[in-house]
Amino acid sequence: MRTADDWPIAANMLSFGSTTPDGTPNVDAPAESWRGQLQQVADLGFAHVDPTDAWLSIGELSDARFEELLTVLQETGLTVPSVSTTRRSVVDAERGEDYLRFGHTIIDRAPALGAEVVNFGFMQALTPAQEKALWFWLAEGHHDDLDDKEGYDLAVARIRELADHAGEVGVQVSLEMYEDTYIGTPDLAVRFVQDVDRDNVGINPDLGNLVRLHRPIEDIPTMFEKVLPLTNFWHIKNYTRDEDPATGSYATHPTPLVQGVVNYRAVIRRALELGFEGVFVCEHYGSDSLGVAAINREYIREVLRGAGR
């Protein structure tokens, strides 16, 4: 059983972006560039990192470059308990087959990284309006067609294919909840996992993606109660949220875990009651995202200790 002190709580590399300052894609950047960024993570006391493909696409690295990454991770003292994919839906109309292939490569490489879980989702590339917005979630993004049975069945089949591969190498698959996708609500996420019907597939209850929306949402504790029994991995973040019934306006803002509208002390304790033993990945948008992630890591450990772990 994991304890508060040895629980894998990773930093997400989203804050560094996908390119170097001169615009070079990180997949083409020298290993020294990766080392400099990963060292910042280690300097903040992290022992674990999730090298999301929004930072570095592990599925697109050559074998030689992948070996360079393993060397840099060893040199910085960081381990990789999970690998997340971001905005690379395996049913993307233009590149879904490419993203499926990259997903298989990540699964193949997960054991060498020491990763126990690979995270997939159905969110797609930001729209021009989202790229211009102060916060991308303020503008309308991609919508999966929930009435398209053929598209839904393809999504289930491709996740099942990835899950079967992952099972062969001893890796779990987690599915990230994100608005307006096949797993955009708790009920949809539970249904999708049940339709995939694989023991190594669970839910990433990244409900921060829903809490931040400027639209009505389901009661937060109720949402967690639906998905926590199937949770096997967790992108964890929090937001303030204000609703003005007089004007119909909403206001949300990223915040450290302890300060937001989600009571993570209660939610994490409930997850533990239901048997959660998965990896936490700390995410945050805006300001010093990495610094807030470090604050959140210590908060999670304190909550775990308070729960007797």
Protein backbone atom coordinates (compact mmCIF):
# COMPACT_ATOMS: atom_id res chain seq x y z
CA MET A 1 0.00 0.00 0.00
CA ARG A 2 1.32 3.42 -0.95
CA THR A 3 2.07 5.95 1.77
CA ALA A 4 2.02 9.74 1.76
CA ASP A 5 5.80 9.82 1.52
CA ASP A 6 6.24 7.43 -1.41
CA TRP A 7 3.06 8.17 -3.37
CA PRO A 8 3.96 9.21 -6.95
CA ILE A 9 2.92 12.85 -7.32
CA ALA A 10 4.26 14.17 -10.60
CA ALA A 11 4.75 17.56 -12.20
CA ASN A 12 3.18 18.07 -15.60
CA MET A 13 5.45 19.69 -18.19
CA LEU A 14 2.66 21.72 -19.82
CA SER A 15 4.03 25.00 -18.53
CA PHE A 16 7.16 24.70 -20.69
CA GLY A 17 5.22 24.47 -23.95
CA SER A 18 6.07 22.40 -26.99
CA THR A 19 8.92 24.53 -28.37
CA THR A 20 12.15 26.11 -27.25
CA PRO A 21 12.33 29.93 -26.98
CA ASP A 22 13.54 30.14 -30.58
CA GLY A 23 10.58 28.14 -31.84
CA THR A 24 12.31 24.78 -32.28
CA PRO A 25 9.91 21.89 -31.55
CA ASN A 26 11.03 20.07 -28.41
CA VAL A 27 11.17 16.80 -30.37
CA ASP A 28 13.99 18.38 -32.40
CA ALA A 29 15.65 20.27 -29.55
CA PRO A 30 18.97 19.11 -28.09
CA ALA A 31 18.87 16.98 -24.97
CA GLU A 32 20.49 19.84 -23.09
CA SER A 33 17.27 21.83 -23.56
CA TRP A 34 15.24 18.98 -22.05
CA ARG A 35 17.74 18.74 -19.18
CA GLY A 36 17.41 22.43 -18.32
CA GLN A 37 13.65 22.21 -18.04
CA LEU A 38 13.58 18.91 -16.17
CA GLN A 39 16.18 20.24 -13.75
CA GLN A 40 13.78 23.04 -12.82
CA VAL A 41 11.25 20.37 -11.88
CA ALA A 42 13.79 18.49 -9.79
CA ASP A 43 14.96 21.71 -8.10
CA LEU A 44 11.43 22.21 -6.76
CA GLY A 45 11.60 18.89 -4.95
CA PHE A 46 9.76 16.73 -7.46
CA ALA A 47 10.91 13.13 -7.82
CA HIS A 48 8.33 12.38 -10.52
CA VAL A 49 7.39 13.96 -13.84
CA ASP A 50 4.78 13.34 -16.52
CA PRO A 51 6.38 14.16 -19.90
CA THR A 52 3.13 15.00 -21.66
CA ASP A 53 3.29 15.16 -25.45
CA ALA A 54 2.20 18.80 -25.16
CA TRP A 55 5.83 19.18 -24.08
CA LEU A 56 7.68 16.32 -25.78
CA SER A 57 6.03 13.74 -27.99
CA ILE A 58 7.60 10.50 -26.83
CA GLY A 59 5.67 8.63 -29.51
CA GLU A 60 7.49 10.56 -32.23
CA LEU A 61 11.04 10.30 -30.89
CA SER A 62 13.49 8.07 -32.70
CA ASP A 63 15.00 5.22 -30.70
CA ALA A 64 18.24 7.16 -30.35
CA ARG A 65 16.49 10.27 -29.08
CA PHE A 66 14.40 8.23 -26.69
CA GLU A 67 17.62 6.88 -25.21
CA GLU A 68 18.79 10.49 -24.79
CA LEU A 69 15.63 11.23 -22.84
CA LEU A 70 16.19 8.24 -20.57
CA THR A 71 19.72 9.50 -19.89
CA VAL A 72 18.51 13.02 -19.06
CA LEU A 73 15.87 11.66 -16.71
CA GLN A 74 18.48 9.61 -14.92
CA GLU A 75 20.82 12.58 -14.65
CA THR A 76 18.11 14.80 -13.16
CA GLY A 77 16.94 12.08 -10.78
CA LEU A 78 13.37 12.10 -12.08
CA THR A 79 11.16 9.07 -12.59
CA VAL A 80 8.16 8.82 -14.93
CA PRO A 81 5.15 7.10 -13.32
CA SER A 82 2.80 8.21 -16.11
CA VAL A 83 2.73 9.59 -19.64
CA SER A 84 -0.12 11.83 -20.78
CA THR A 85 -1.29 12.61 -24.29
CA THR A 86 -2.94 15.97 -24.91
CA ARG A 87 -5.15 17.09 -27.79
CA ARG A 88 -4.31 13.99 -29.78
CA SER A 89 -7.62 12.23 -30.13
CA VAL A 90 -7.35 8.82 -31.75
CA VAL A 91 -10.51 9.66 -33.69
CA ASP A 92 -9.33 13.07 -34.93
CA ALA A 93 -10.72 13.37 -38.46
CA GLU A 94 -7.35 14.33 -39.95
CA ARG A 95 -4.71 12.66 -37.78
CA GLY A 96 -6.49 10.05 -35.72
CA GLU A 97 -4.54 7.17 -37.23
CA ASP A 98 -1.24 8.98 -36.58
CA TYR A 99 -2.22 9.59 -32.96
CA LEU A 100 -3.23 5.96 -32.59
CA ARG A 101 0.19 4.91 -33.85
CA PHE A 102 1.95 7.32 -31.50
CA GLY A 103 -0.15 5.92 -28.66
CA HIS A 104 1.09 2.42 -29.39
CA THR A 105 4.69 3.68 -29.40
CA ILE A 106 4.19 5.35 -26.01
CA ILE A 107 2.79 2.12 -24.61
CA ASP A 108 5.79 0.20 -25.96
CA ARG A 109 8.13 2.67 -24.27
CA ALA A 110 6.22 2.96 -20.99
CA PRO A 111 8.05 0.04 -19.29
CA ALA A 112 11.46 1.56 -20.10
CA LEU A 113 10.30 4.84 -18.56
CA GLY A 114 8.88 3.04 -15.53
CA ALA A 115 5.39 4.38 -16.32
CA GLU A 116 2.47 2.42 -14.93
CA VAL A 117 -0.23 4.30 -16.84
CA VAL A 118 -0.73 6.12 -20.16
CA ASN A 119 -3.41 8.80 -20.34
CA PHE A 120 -5.54 9.35 -23.44
CA GLY A 121 -8.38 11.75 -24.18
CA PHE A 122 -10.58 12.99 -27.00
CA MET A 123 -9.87 16.72 -26.79
CA GLN A 124 -8.62 18.15 -30.08
CA ALA A 125 -6.49 21.09 -31.22
CA LEU A 126 -7.42 24.53 -29.99
CA THR A 127 -9.54 26.58 -32.35
CA PRO A 128 -8.33 30.04 -33.48
CA ALA A 129 -10.83 31.60 -31.07
CA GLN A 130 -9.47 29.52 -28.19
CA GLU A 131 -5.92 30.51 -29.04
CA LYS A 132 -6.86 34.19 -28.85
CA ALA A 133 -8.83 33.97 -25.61
CA LEU A 134 -7.34 34.95 -22.26
CA TRP A 135 -8.15 31.40 -21.11
CA PHE A 136 -8.76 28.89 -23.89
CA TRP A 137 -11.78 27.41 -22.11
CA LEU A 138 -13.66 30.72 -22.55
CA ALA A 139 -14.10 30.04 -26.27
CA GLU A 140 -15.95 27.19 -27.97
CA GLY A 141 -13.82 24.17 -28.83
CA HIS A 142 -14.20 20.84 -30.57
CA HIS A 143 -17.36 18.80 -29.96
CA ASP A 144 -17.55 15.05 -30.46
CA ASP A 145 -20.80 14.13 -32.17
CA LEU A 146 -22.54 12.07 -29.51
CA ASP A 147 -25.22 11.04 -32.01
CA ASP A 148 -22.69 9.55 -34.44
CA LYS A 149 -22.77 5.87 -33.48
CA GLU A 150 -20.10 4.97 -36.03
CA GLY A 151 -17.72 7.56 -34.62
CA TYR A 152 -18.44 6.47 -31.06
CA ASP A 153 -17.89 2.82 -31.91
CA LEU A 154 -14.58 3.71 -33.58
CA ALA A 155 -13.48 5.57 -30.43
CA VAL A 156 -14.34 2.55 -28.27
CA ALA A 157 -12.55 0.18 -30.66
CA ARG A 158 -9.36 2.24 -30.78
CA ILE A 159 -9.17 2.66 -27.01
CA ARG A 160 -9.81 -1.06 -26.63
CA GLU A 161 -6.96 -1.72 -29.08
CA LEU A 162 -4.62 0.47 -27.03
CA ALA A 163 -5.80 -1.16 -23.81
CA ASP A 164 -5.12 -4.67 -25.13
CA HIS A 165 -1.61 -3.61 -26.11
CA ALA A 166 -1.09 -1.95 -22.73
CA GLY A 167 -2.24 -5.09 -20.98
CA GLU A 168 0.42 -7.09 -22.79
CA VAL A 169 3.17 -4.90 -21.30
CA GLY A 170 1.59 -4.47 -17.86
CA VAL A 171 0.42 -0.87 -18.27
CA GLN A 172 -2.90 0.77 -17.42
CA VAL A 173 -4.86 3.14 -19.65
CA SER A 174 -6.67 6.15 -18.22
CA LEU A 175 -9.20 8.32 -20.03
CA GLU A 176 -9.18 12.05 -19.36
CA MET A 177 -12.51 13.76 -18.87
CA TYR A 178 -12.88 16.87 -21.02
CA GLU A 179 -15.94 18.89 -21.96
CA ASP A 180 -17.94 18.14 -25.11
CA THR A 181 -16.13 14.87 -25.83
CA TYR A 182 -17.21 11.24 -25.62
CA ILE A 183 -16.13 11.38 -21.96
CA GLY A 184 -17.23 14.96 -21.29
CA THR A 185 -19.51 14.24 -18.32
CA PRO A 186 -19.34 11.73 -15.48
CA ASP A 187 -22.19 9.69 -16.95
CA LEU A 188 -20.58 9.62 -20.39
CA ALA A 189 -17.18 8.67 -18.95
CA VAL A 190 -18.61 5.79 -16.95
CA ARG A 191 -20.56 4.55 -19.95
CA PHE A 192 -17.50 4.74 -22.21
CA VAL A 193 -15.28 2.79 -19.83
CA GLN A 194 -17.98 0.18 -19.46
CA ASP A 195 -18.25 -0.08 -23.26
CA VAL A 196 -14.47 -0.49 -23.64
CA ASP A 197 -14.77 -3.30 -21.08
CA ARG A 198 -11.11 -3.80 -20.19
CA ASP A 199 -9.84 -4.32 -16.64
CA ASN A 200 -6.83 -2.05 -17.21
CA VAL A 201 -8.91 0.96 -18.34
CA GLY A 202 -10.10 3.62 -15.90
CA ILE A 203 -11.04 7.27 -15.62
CA ASN A 204 -8.86 10.32 -15.10
CA PRO A 205 -11.35 12.50 -13.13
CA ASP A 206 -9.89 15.80 -14.31
CA LEU A 207 -13.02 17.63 -13.29
CA GLY A 208 -11.13 20.90 -13.18
CA ASN A 209 -11.73 20.86 -16.94
CA LEU A 210 -15.46 21.14 -16.20
CA VAL A 211 -15.38 23.35 -13.10
CA ARG A 212 -13.66 26.15 -15.03
CA LEU A 213 -16.34 26.35 -17.73
CA HIS A 214 -18.55 29.42 -17.98
CA ARG A 215 -21.73 27.36 -18.15
CA PRO A 216 -23.90 25.39 -15.72
CA ILE A 217 -22.27 22.27 -14.31
CA GLU A 218 -23.42 19.32 -12.28
CA ASP A 219 -23.00 19.35 -8.50
CA ILE A 220 -19.28 18.83 -7.90
CA PRO A 221 -19.40 16.17 -5.13
CA THR A 222 -21.99 14.26 -7.17
CA MET A 223 -19.71 14.27 -10.21
CA PHE A 224 -16.81 12.87 -8.21
CA GLU A 225 -19.00 10.24 -6.59
CA LYS A 226 -19.87 8.90 -10.05
CA VAL A 227 -16.33 8.63 -11.39
CA LEU A 228 -14.11 7.89 -8.38
CA PRO A 229 -14.99 4.17 -8.31
CA LEU A 230 -13.44 3.85 -11.79
CA THR A 231 -10.53 6.26 -11.24
CA ASN A 232 -7.02 4.89 -11.88
CA PHE A 233 -5.05 8.12 -12.53
CA TRP A 234 -5.56 11.78 -11.71
CA HIS A 235 -4.73 15.11 -13.34
CA ILE A 236 -5.48 17.29 -10.34
CA LYS A 237 -6.10 21.06 -10.36
CA ASN A 238 -8.53 23.56 -8.89
CA TYR A 239 -10.33 26.76 -9.80
CA THR A 240 -12.34 29.46 -8.15
CA ARG A 241 -15.88 29.56 -9.53
CA ASP A 242 -18.53 32.24 -9.12
CA GLU A 243 -22.02 32.28 -10.61
CA ASP A 244 -24.30 35.33 -10.56
CA PRO A 245 -27.91 34.19 -11.02
CA ALA A 246 -29.04 37.79 -11.45
CA THR A 247 -26.98 38.30 -14.60
CA GLY A 248 -26.22 34.74 -15.68
CA SER A 249 -22.49 35.51 -15.59
CA TYR A 250 -19.67 33.20 -14.53
CA ALA A 251 -16.13 33.83 -13.36
CA THR A 252 -13.44 31.17 -12.91
CA HIS A 253 -9.72 31.32 -12.31
CA PRO A 254 -6.94 28.76 -11.71
CA THR A 255 -5.94 28.47 -8.07
CA PRO A 256 -3.90 26.18 -5.79
CA LEU A 257 -5.75 23.06 -4.70
CA VAL A 258 -6.40 24.28 -1.17
CA GLN A 259 -8.07 27.51 -2.31
CA GLY A 260 -10.49 26.47 -5.04
CA VAL A 261 -14.14 25.47 -5.18
CA VAL A 262 -13.34 21.74 -5.11
CA ASN A 263 -12.75 20.48 -1.56
CA TYR A 264 -9.89 18.13 -2.40
CA ARG A 265 -9.37 17.14 1.23
CA ALA A 266 -12.78 15.49 1.14
CA VAL A 267 -12.49 14.22 -2.44
CA ILE A 268 -9.07 12.58 -2.00
CA ARG A 269 -10.16 10.93 1.23
CA ARG A 270 -13.23 9.57 -0.56
CA ALA A 271 -11.05 8.26 -3.40
CA LEU A 272 -8.90 6.42 -0.87
CA GLU A 273 -12.00 4.88 0.71
CA LEU A 274 -12.87 3.53 -2.74
CA GLY A 275 -9.40 2.03 -3.19
CA PHE A 276 -7.59 4.63 -5.28
CA GLU A 277 -3.84 3.93 -5.51
CA GLY A 278 -3.02 5.78 -8.73
CA VAL A 279 -0.57 8.49 -9.78
CA PHE A 280 -1.38 12.15 -9.16
CA VAL A 281 -0.20 14.68 -11.75
CA CYS A 282 -0.26 18.31 -10.63
CA GLU A 283 -1.50 20.75 -13.27
CA HIS A 284 -2.01 24.50 -13.17
CA TYR A 285 -2.51 27.27 -15.73
CA GLY A 286 -1.23 30.81 -15.55
CA SER A 287 1.27 32.49 -13.21
CA ASP A 288 4.12 30.24 -12.02
CA SER A 289 2.43 26.97 -12.94
CA LEU A 290 5.36 24.85 -11.85
CA GLY A 291 5.64 26.64 -8.51
CA VAL A 292 1.93 26.12 -7.83
CA ALA A 293 2.33 22.45 -8.76
CA ALA A 294 4.99 22.13 -6.05
CA ILE A 295 2.64 23.72 -3.51
CA ASN A 296 -0.09 21.31 -4.59
CA ARG A 297 2.23 18.33 -4.21
CA GLU A 298 2.83 19.15 -0.56
CA TYR A 299 -0.89 19.73 0.01
CA ILE A 300 -1.70 16.29 -1.43
CA ARG A 301 0.90 14.63 0.80
CA GLU A 302 -0.54 16.40 3.85
CA VAL A 303 -4.04 15.22 2.93
CA LEU A 304 -2.75 11.67 2.46
CA ARG A 305 -1.06 11.73 5.88
CA GLY A 306 -4.24 13.03 7.46
CA ALA A 307 -6.05 10.08 5.93
CA GLY A 308 -3.63 7.68 7.57
CA ARG A 309 -1.46 6.94 4.55
